[in-house]
Amino acid sequence: MKQVKFGTTGKLVPAIALGCMRMSSLTPAQGAELLEFAVGQGINFFDHADIYGGGECETIFRKSLEESSLKREDLTMQSKCGIVPGMMYDFSKEHILASVDGSLKRLGTDYLDVLLLHRPDALMEPEEVAEAFDTLESAGKVRFFGVSNQNPMQMELLRKYVKQPLAANQLQASAAHAGMFSAGMQVNMKTEGGVDRDGSVLDYCRLHEITIQAWSPFQYGMIEGVFLGHENYASLNAKINEIAGRYGVTNTTIAVAWLLRHPAGMQVLAGSMSQTRLAEICKAADLELTRREWYEIYLADGNLMP
């Protein structure tokens, strides 16, 4: 499995991570089989959030791990906090600490390798976040920290107060959700793609060595559906299928390879609970598209190249 740098931590992580948002659909026995298969493919990085399945996904993960032959110390566990579903976002010190304790209990571990702040809290007080991070780090409960779905200025505000480096930023990205690539190429243009909706977050993360974790690599819109095979993305699918045939792999592999081809050194979050599909995804780590192929896929979705 191809390895990528994890921020400035000095840690190398697999280019593919397993997102556990759907893990509550599995029994512990099924989960154990999936975890062992994932690790066998080179995926030892697992992404959680305190809200996934109302916490049940973390519980099933713990039970699955207990039924497996895997050891906690051989895995990288990441979780996220800050969302109170349907009510608010909460980056208060009290909420962060309580959320981490809840995740640790459900996961059956003494520490998280990584904690990410989930979606941005408009009422964030960075001083409180800094206190929470310091408390968690000194207690040995969290080793590395990061964010999710944040723009550069939000990260700058955090970095003014938080002494720990932000190792990762989880952002939605796919061949059908390529806004952060388009904005960098359609600069100073009155085009839809030229609208900078995220403050050049891609370039910012590269400048500050913050690893981008690409979530929903097969989705269009905000978890509205999969673009692979979708009639509304006929041209994009035709090009992906053409390239897939060239390499003798599936369209799933090419969709992930497109993200991994970018020199930002992204880590792709795969949320599949299917071993077959996970194997297809993992093949992308060993396949490097050419520059021309990357652009062919980009243009096939109707993006402009001025």
Protein backbone atom coordinates (compact mmCIF):
# COMPACT_ATOMS: atom_id res chain seq x y z
CA MET A 1 0.00 0.00 0.00
CA LYS A 2 1.32 3.42 -0.95
CA GLN A 3 2.15 5.58 2.08
CA VAL A 4 1.66 9.34 2.40
CA LYS A 5 2.96 11.84 4.91
CA PHE A 6 0.60 12.65 7.76
CA GLY A 7 1.03 16.37 8.20
CA THR A 8 4.26 17.31 9.94
CA THR A 9 3.98 14.46 12.46
CA GLY A 10 6.69 12.38 10.81
CA LYS A 11 4.13 9.56 10.62
CA LEU A 12 3.44 7.74 7.35
CA VAL A 13 -0.12 6.51 6.76
CA PRO A 14 -1.72 4.43 4.01
CA ALA A 15 -3.02 6.38 1.02
CA ILE A 16 -6.39 4.67 1.61
CA ALA A 17 -8.17 4.81 4.97
CA LEU A 18 -11.34 2.99 5.93
CA GLY A 19 -14.21 5.28 6.87
CA CYS A 20 -16.40 3.57 9.47
CA MET A 21 -19.61 5.61 9.09
CA ARG A 22 -21.56 2.54 7.94
CA MET A 23 -20.08 0.04 10.37
CA SER A 24 -23.26 -0.20 12.43
CA SER A 25 -24.74 -2.21 9.53
CA LEU A 26 -22.37 -5.10 10.35
CA THR A 27 -22.35 -7.73 13.05
CA PRO A 28 -19.15 -7.99 15.10
CA ALA A 29 -18.23 -11.15 13.20
CA GLN A 30 -18.71 -9.43 9.86
CA GLY A 31 -16.80 -6.43 11.15
CA ALA A 32 -13.90 -8.59 12.28
CA GLU A 33 -13.68 -10.14 8.83
CA LEU A 34 -13.73 -6.71 7.20
CA LEU A 35 -11.04 -5.30 9.50
CA GLU A 36 -8.73 -8.23 8.90
CA PHE A 37 -9.30 -7.94 5.15
CA ALA A 38 -8.59 -4.19 5.22
CA VAL A 39 -5.35 -4.65 7.15
CA GLY A 40 -4.39 -7.41 4.74
CA GLN A 41 -4.79 -4.86 1.94
CA GLY A 42 -2.53 -2.42 3.76
CA ILE A 43 -5.28 -0.31 5.35
CA ASN A 44 -4.53 0.08 9.05
CA PHE A 45 -6.04 3.59 9.36
CA PHE A 46 -9.66 3.80 10.51
CA ASP A 47 -11.77 6.96 10.54
CA HIS A 48 -14.64 7.41 13.01
CA ALA A 49 -16.84 10.18 14.42
CA ASP A 50 -18.74 10.28 17.67
CA ILE A 51 -22.01 10.76 15.76
CA TYR A 52 -21.70 7.87 13.30
CA GLY A 53 -24.62 5.59 13.95
CA GLY A 54 -25.29 7.56 17.12
CA GLY A 55 -22.05 6.13 18.49
CA GLU A 56 -22.91 2.57 17.50
CA CYS A 57 -20.28 2.47 14.74
CA GLU A 58 -17.51 2.91 17.29
CA THR A 59 -19.06 0.24 19.51
CA ILE A 60 -19.29 -2.26 16.64
CA PHE A 61 -15.69 -1.46 15.73
CA ARG A 62 -14.58 -2.34 19.27
CA LYS A 63 -16.52 -5.60 19.25
CA SER A 64 -15.19 -6.42 15.79
CA LEU A 65 -11.63 -5.75 16.87
CA GLU A 66 -12.11 -7.99 19.90
CA GLU A 67 -13.25 -10.83 17.63
CA SER A 68 -10.36 -10.33 15.23
CA SER A 69 -6.71 -11.33 15.43
CA LEU A 70 -5.61 -7.69 15.16
CA LYS A 71 -3.80 -5.69 17.83
CA ARG A 72 -4.74 -2.15 18.80
CA GLU A 73 -1.14 -0.95 18.63
CA ASP A 74 -0.93 -1.92 14.96
CA LEU A 75 -3.87 0.31 14.03
CA THR A 76 -4.35 4.05 13.63
CA MET A 77 -7.70 5.16 15.06
CA GLN A 78 -9.07 8.56 14.21
CA SER A 79 -12.31 10.07 15.45
CA LYS A 80 -14.09 13.39 15.12
CA CYS A 81 -16.21 15.52 17.43
CA GLY A 82 -18.10 18.78 17.47
CA ILE A 83 -21.48 17.99 15.91
CA VAL A 84 -24.62 17.80 18.04
CA PRO A 85 -26.96 16.37 15.36
CA GLY A 86 -29.83 18.62 14.38
CA MET A 87 -28.99 21.15 17.08
CA MET A 88 -25.60 22.81 16.87
CA TYR A 89 -21.86 22.56 16.48
CA ASP A 90 -19.91 22.65 19.72
CA PHE A 91 -16.16 23.21 20.05
CA SER A 92 -16.33 24.08 23.73
CA LYS A 93 -13.69 22.54 25.97
CA GLU A 94 -16.35 20.67 27.91
CA HIS A 95 -17.87 19.14 24.80
CA ILE A 96 -14.56 18.15 23.22
CA LEU A 97 -13.34 16.42 26.39
CA ALA A 98 -16.64 14.62 26.93
CA SER A 99 -16.80 13.53 23.29
CA VAL A 100 -13.30 12.07 23.38
CA ASP A 101 -14.04 10.17 26.58
CA GLY A 102 -17.16 8.77 24.94
CA SER A 103 -15.26 7.67 21.85
CA LEU A 104 -12.51 6.06 23.91
CA LYS A 105 -15.05 4.07 25.88
CA ARG A 106 -16.96 2.94 22.79
CA LEU A 107 -13.76 2.05 20.91
CA GLY A 108 -12.31 0.27 23.91
CA THR A 109 -8.99 2.08 23.77
CA ASP A 110 -6.97 4.34 26.06
CA TYR A 111 -6.06 6.77 23.30
CA LEU A 112 -6.95 8.11 19.88
CA ASP A 113 -4.15 8.42 17.38
CA VAL A 114 -5.96 11.38 15.82
CA LEU A 115 -8.78 13.71 16.82
CA LEU A 116 -10.40 15.98 14.24
CA LEU A 117 -12.80 18.83 14.90
CA HIS A 118 -15.79 18.03 12.71
CA ARG A 119 -17.68 20.84 10.92
CA PRO A 120 -16.74 24.43 11.87
CA ASP A 121 -18.41 25.90 14.94
CA ALA A 122 -19.45 29.53 14.32
CA LEU A 123 -19.19 30.16 18.08
CA MET A 124 -15.74 28.63 18.41
CA GLU A 125 -13.51 30.13 21.07
CA PRO A 126 -10.02 29.01 20.01
CA GLU A 127 -8.66 29.48 23.53
CA GLU A 128 -11.03 26.74 24.74
CA VAL A 129 -10.02 24.44 21.91
CA ALA A 130 -6.37 25.00 22.84
CA GLU A 131 -7.10 24.11 26.47
CA ALA A 132 -8.94 20.97 25.41
CA PHE A 133 -6.11 19.87 23.12
CA ASP A 134 -3.52 20.46 25.83
CA THR A 135 -5.57 18.48 28.35
CA LEU A 136 -6.05 15.57 25.95
CA GLU A 137 -2.42 15.50 24.88
CA SER A 138 -1.00 15.70 28.41
CA ALA A 139 -3.35 12.93 29.56
CA GLY A 140 -2.18 10.74 26.68
CA LYS A 141 -5.70 10.49 25.30
CA VAL A 142 -4.93 11.98 21.86
CA ARG A 143 -1.64 11.93 19.96
CA PHE A 144 -2.36 14.10 16.90
CA PHE A 145 -4.96 16.72 16.04
CA GLY A 146 -6.65 18.14 12.97
CA VAL A 147 -9.83 19.54 11.48
CA SER A 148 -12.54 18.68 9.02
CA ASN A 149 -14.25 20.88 6.43
CA GLN A 150 -12.37 24.03 7.43
CA ASN A 151 -11.10 26.87 5.28
CA PRO A 152 -7.67 28.52 5.61
CA MET A 153 -8.73 31.42 7.83
CA GLN A 154 -10.52 29.11 10.25
CA MET A 155 -7.34 27.07 10.50
CA GLU A 156 -5.25 30.22 10.91
CA LEU A 157 -7.43 31.29 13.82
CA LEU A 158 -6.96 27.91 15.48
CA ARG A 159 -3.23 27.87 14.86
CA LYS A 160 -2.85 31.21 16.64
CA TYR A 161 -3.87 29.55 19.92
CA VAL A 162 -3.33 25.81 19.49
CA LYS A 163 0.28 24.70 19.94
CA GLN A 164 -0.20 21.28 18.35
CA PRO A 165 0.21 21.22 14.56
CA LEU A 166 -2.92 20.52 12.52
CA ALA A 167 -2.04 17.25 10.85
CA ALA A 168 -5.07 16.83 8.60
CA ASN A 169 -8.09 18.53 7.09
CA GLN A 170 -10.93 16.30 5.91
CA LEU A 171 -12.50 17.75 2.74
CA GLN A 172 -14.99 16.45 0.21
CA ALA A 173 -13.35 15.75 -3.13
CA SER A 174 -14.04 13.62 -6.18
CA ALA A 175 -13.95 13.85 -9.96
CA ALA A 176 -17.54 15.13 -9.73
CA HIS A 177 -16.80 17.47 -6.82
CA ALA A 178 -13.66 19.20 -8.04
CA GLY A 179 -14.25 22.77 -6.91
CA MET A 180 -10.98 23.18 -5.07
CA PHE A 181 -9.11 22.19 -8.23
CA SER A 182 -11.21 24.35 -10.58
CA ALA A 183 -10.85 27.51 -8.49
CA GLY A 184 -7.09 27.25 -8.82
CA MET A 185 -7.21 27.05 -12.61
CA GLN A 186 -10.01 29.50 -13.44
CA VAL A 187 -8.41 32.40 -11.58
CA ASN A 188 -9.78 35.87 -12.37
CA MET A 189 -12.57 34.47 -14.52
CA LYS A 190 -16.32 35.07 -14.45
CA THR A 191 -17.03 31.36 -14.53
CA GLU A 192 -18.74 29.02 -12.10
CA GLY A 193 -15.52 27.10 -11.59
CA GLY A 194 -13.65 30.31 -10.87
CA VAL A 195 -15.68 30.94 -7.73
CA ASP A 196 -13.34 30.34 -4.80
CA ARG A 197 -15.62 28.80 -2.20
CA ASP A 198 -12.96 27.59 0.21
CA GLY A 199 -10.24 30.24 0.31
CA SER A 200 -7.68 28.24 -1.70
CA VAL A 201 -7.74 25.48 0.89
CA LEU A 202 -5.89 23.07 -1.37
CA ASP A 203 -2.89 25.38 -1.74
CA TYR A 204 -3.03 26.36 1.93
CA CYS A 205 -2.85 22.75 3.07
CA ARG A 206 0.08 22.09 0.77
CA LEU A 207 1.91 25.19 2.00
CA HIS A 208 1.46 24.20 5.64
CA GLU A 209 1.92 20.44 5.13
CA ILE A 210 -1.59 19.58 6.28
CA THR A 211 -2.73 16.26 4.83
CA ILE A 212 -6.01 16.46 2.95
CA GLN A 213 -8.26 13.50 3.68
CA ALA A 214 -10.65 13.26 0.74
CA TRP A 215 -14.10 12.08 1.80
CA SER A 216 -16.93 10.85 -0.45
CA PRO A 217 -14.63 10.08 -3.42
CA PHE A 218 -17.57 8.67 -5.42
CA GLN A 219 -20.22 11.23 -4.53
CA TYR A 220 -21.66 14.22 -6.35
CA GLY A 221 -23.25 17.06 -4.39
CA MET A 222 -23.28 16.56 -0.64
CA ILE A 223 -23.87 12.83 -0.29
CA GLU A 224 -26.65 13.01 -2.89
CA GLY A 225 -25.54 9.94 -4.78
CA VAL A 226 -22.72 8.13 -6.55
CA PHE A 227 -21.62 9.59 -9.88
CA LEU A 228 -20.19 6.31 -11.16
CA GLY A 229 -22.73 4.87 -13.58
CA HIS A 230 -25.10 7.83 -13.12
CA GLU A 231 -26.82 9.00 -16.30
CA ASN A 232 -26.24 12.66 -15.43
CA TYR A 233 -22.48 12.06 -15.61
CA ALA A 234 -22.39 10.20 -18.91
CA SER A 235 -19.29 11.93 -20.33
CA LEU A 236 -17.35 11.58 -17.09
CA ASN A 237 -18.25 7.91 -16.81
CA ALA A 238 -17.36 7.24 -20.45
CA LYS A 239 -13.88 8.68 -19.92
CA ILE A 240 -13.33 6.88 -16.61
CA ASN A 241 -14.49 3.60 -18.17
CA GLU A 242 -12.17 4.13 -21.14
CA ILE A 243 -9.17 4.64 -18.88
CA ALA A 244 -10.23 1.74 -16.64
CA GLY A 245 -10.24 -0.54 -19.68
CA ARG A 246 -6.77 0.68 -20.57
CA TYR A 247 -5.42 -0.42 -17.19
CA GLY A 248 -7.60 -3.50 -16.76
CA VAL A 249 -9.25 -2.22 -13.58
CA THR A 250 -12.72 -1.03 -12.58
CA ASN A 251 -14.13 2.49 -12.68
CA THR A 252 -13.95 2.51 -8.87
CA THR A 253 -10.18 2.13 -9.03
CA ILE A 254 -9.79 4.97 -11.52
CA ALA A 255 -12.01 7.34 -9.52
CA VAL A 256 -9.71 6.93 -6.52
CA ALA A 257 -6.53 6.98 -8.61
CA TRP A 258 -7.61 10.39 -9.92
CA LEU A 259 -7.45 11.83 -6.40
CA LEU A 260 -4.22 10.05 -5.50
CA ARG A 261 -2.54 11.39 -8.66
CA HIS A 262 -2.61 14.92 -7.27
CA PRO A 263 0.77 15.96 -5.84
CA ALA A 264 -0.83 17.18 -2.60
CA GLY A 265 -0.38 13.63 -1.29
CA MET A 266 -4.00 13.13 -0.26
CA GLN A 267 -5.35 10.28 1.81
CA VAL A 268 -8.64 8.93 0.44
CA LEU A 269 -11.36 7.83 2.85
CA ALA A 270 -13.17 4.75 1.57
CA GLY A 271 -16.46 4.08 3.30
CA SER A 272 -17.30 0.75 1.69
CA MET A 273 -18.15 -2.24 3.86
CA SER A 274 -17.70 -4.58 0.86
CA GLN A 275 -14.46 -6.50 0.60
CA THR A 276 -14.75 -6.70 -3.17
CA ARG A 277 -15.19 -2.97 -3.56
CA LEU A 278 -12.48 -2.26 -0.99
CA ALA A 279 -10.05 -4.38 -3.01
CA GLU A 280 -10.90 -2.34 -6.11
CA ILE A 281 -10.27 0.87 -4.19
CA CYS A 282 -6.91 -0.36 -2.90
CA LYS A 283 -5.68 -1.06 -6.43
CA ALA A 284 -5.66 2.70 -6.97
CA ALA A 285 -2.72 3.06 -4.60
CA ASP A 286 -0.55 1.08 -7.03
CA LEU A 287 -1.72 2.89 -10.16
CA GLU A 288 -0.53 6.34 -11.20
CA LEU A 289 -2.49 8.10 -13.90
CA THR A 290 -0.61 10.19 -16.41
CA ARG A 291 -0.95 13.97 -16.36
CA ARG A 292 -2.99 13.76 -19.57
CA GLU A 293 -5.35 11.14 -18.10
CA TRP A 294 -5.92 13.28 -14.99
CA TYR A 295 -6.89 16.24 -17.16
CA GLU A 296 -9.05 14.11 -19.44
CA ILE A 297 -11.14 13.05 -16.44
CA TYR A 298 -11.26 16.61 -15.12
CA LEU A 299 -12.48 17.97 -18.47
CA ALA A 300 -14.96 15.13 -18.97
CA ASP A 301 -17.08 16.48 -16.14
CA GLY A 302 -17.52 19.77 -17.99
CA ASN A 303 -14.78 21.68 -16.21
CA LEU A 304 -13.07 24.42 -18.17
CA MET A 305 -9.41 24.65 -19.07
CA PRO A 306 -8.97 28.35 -20.02
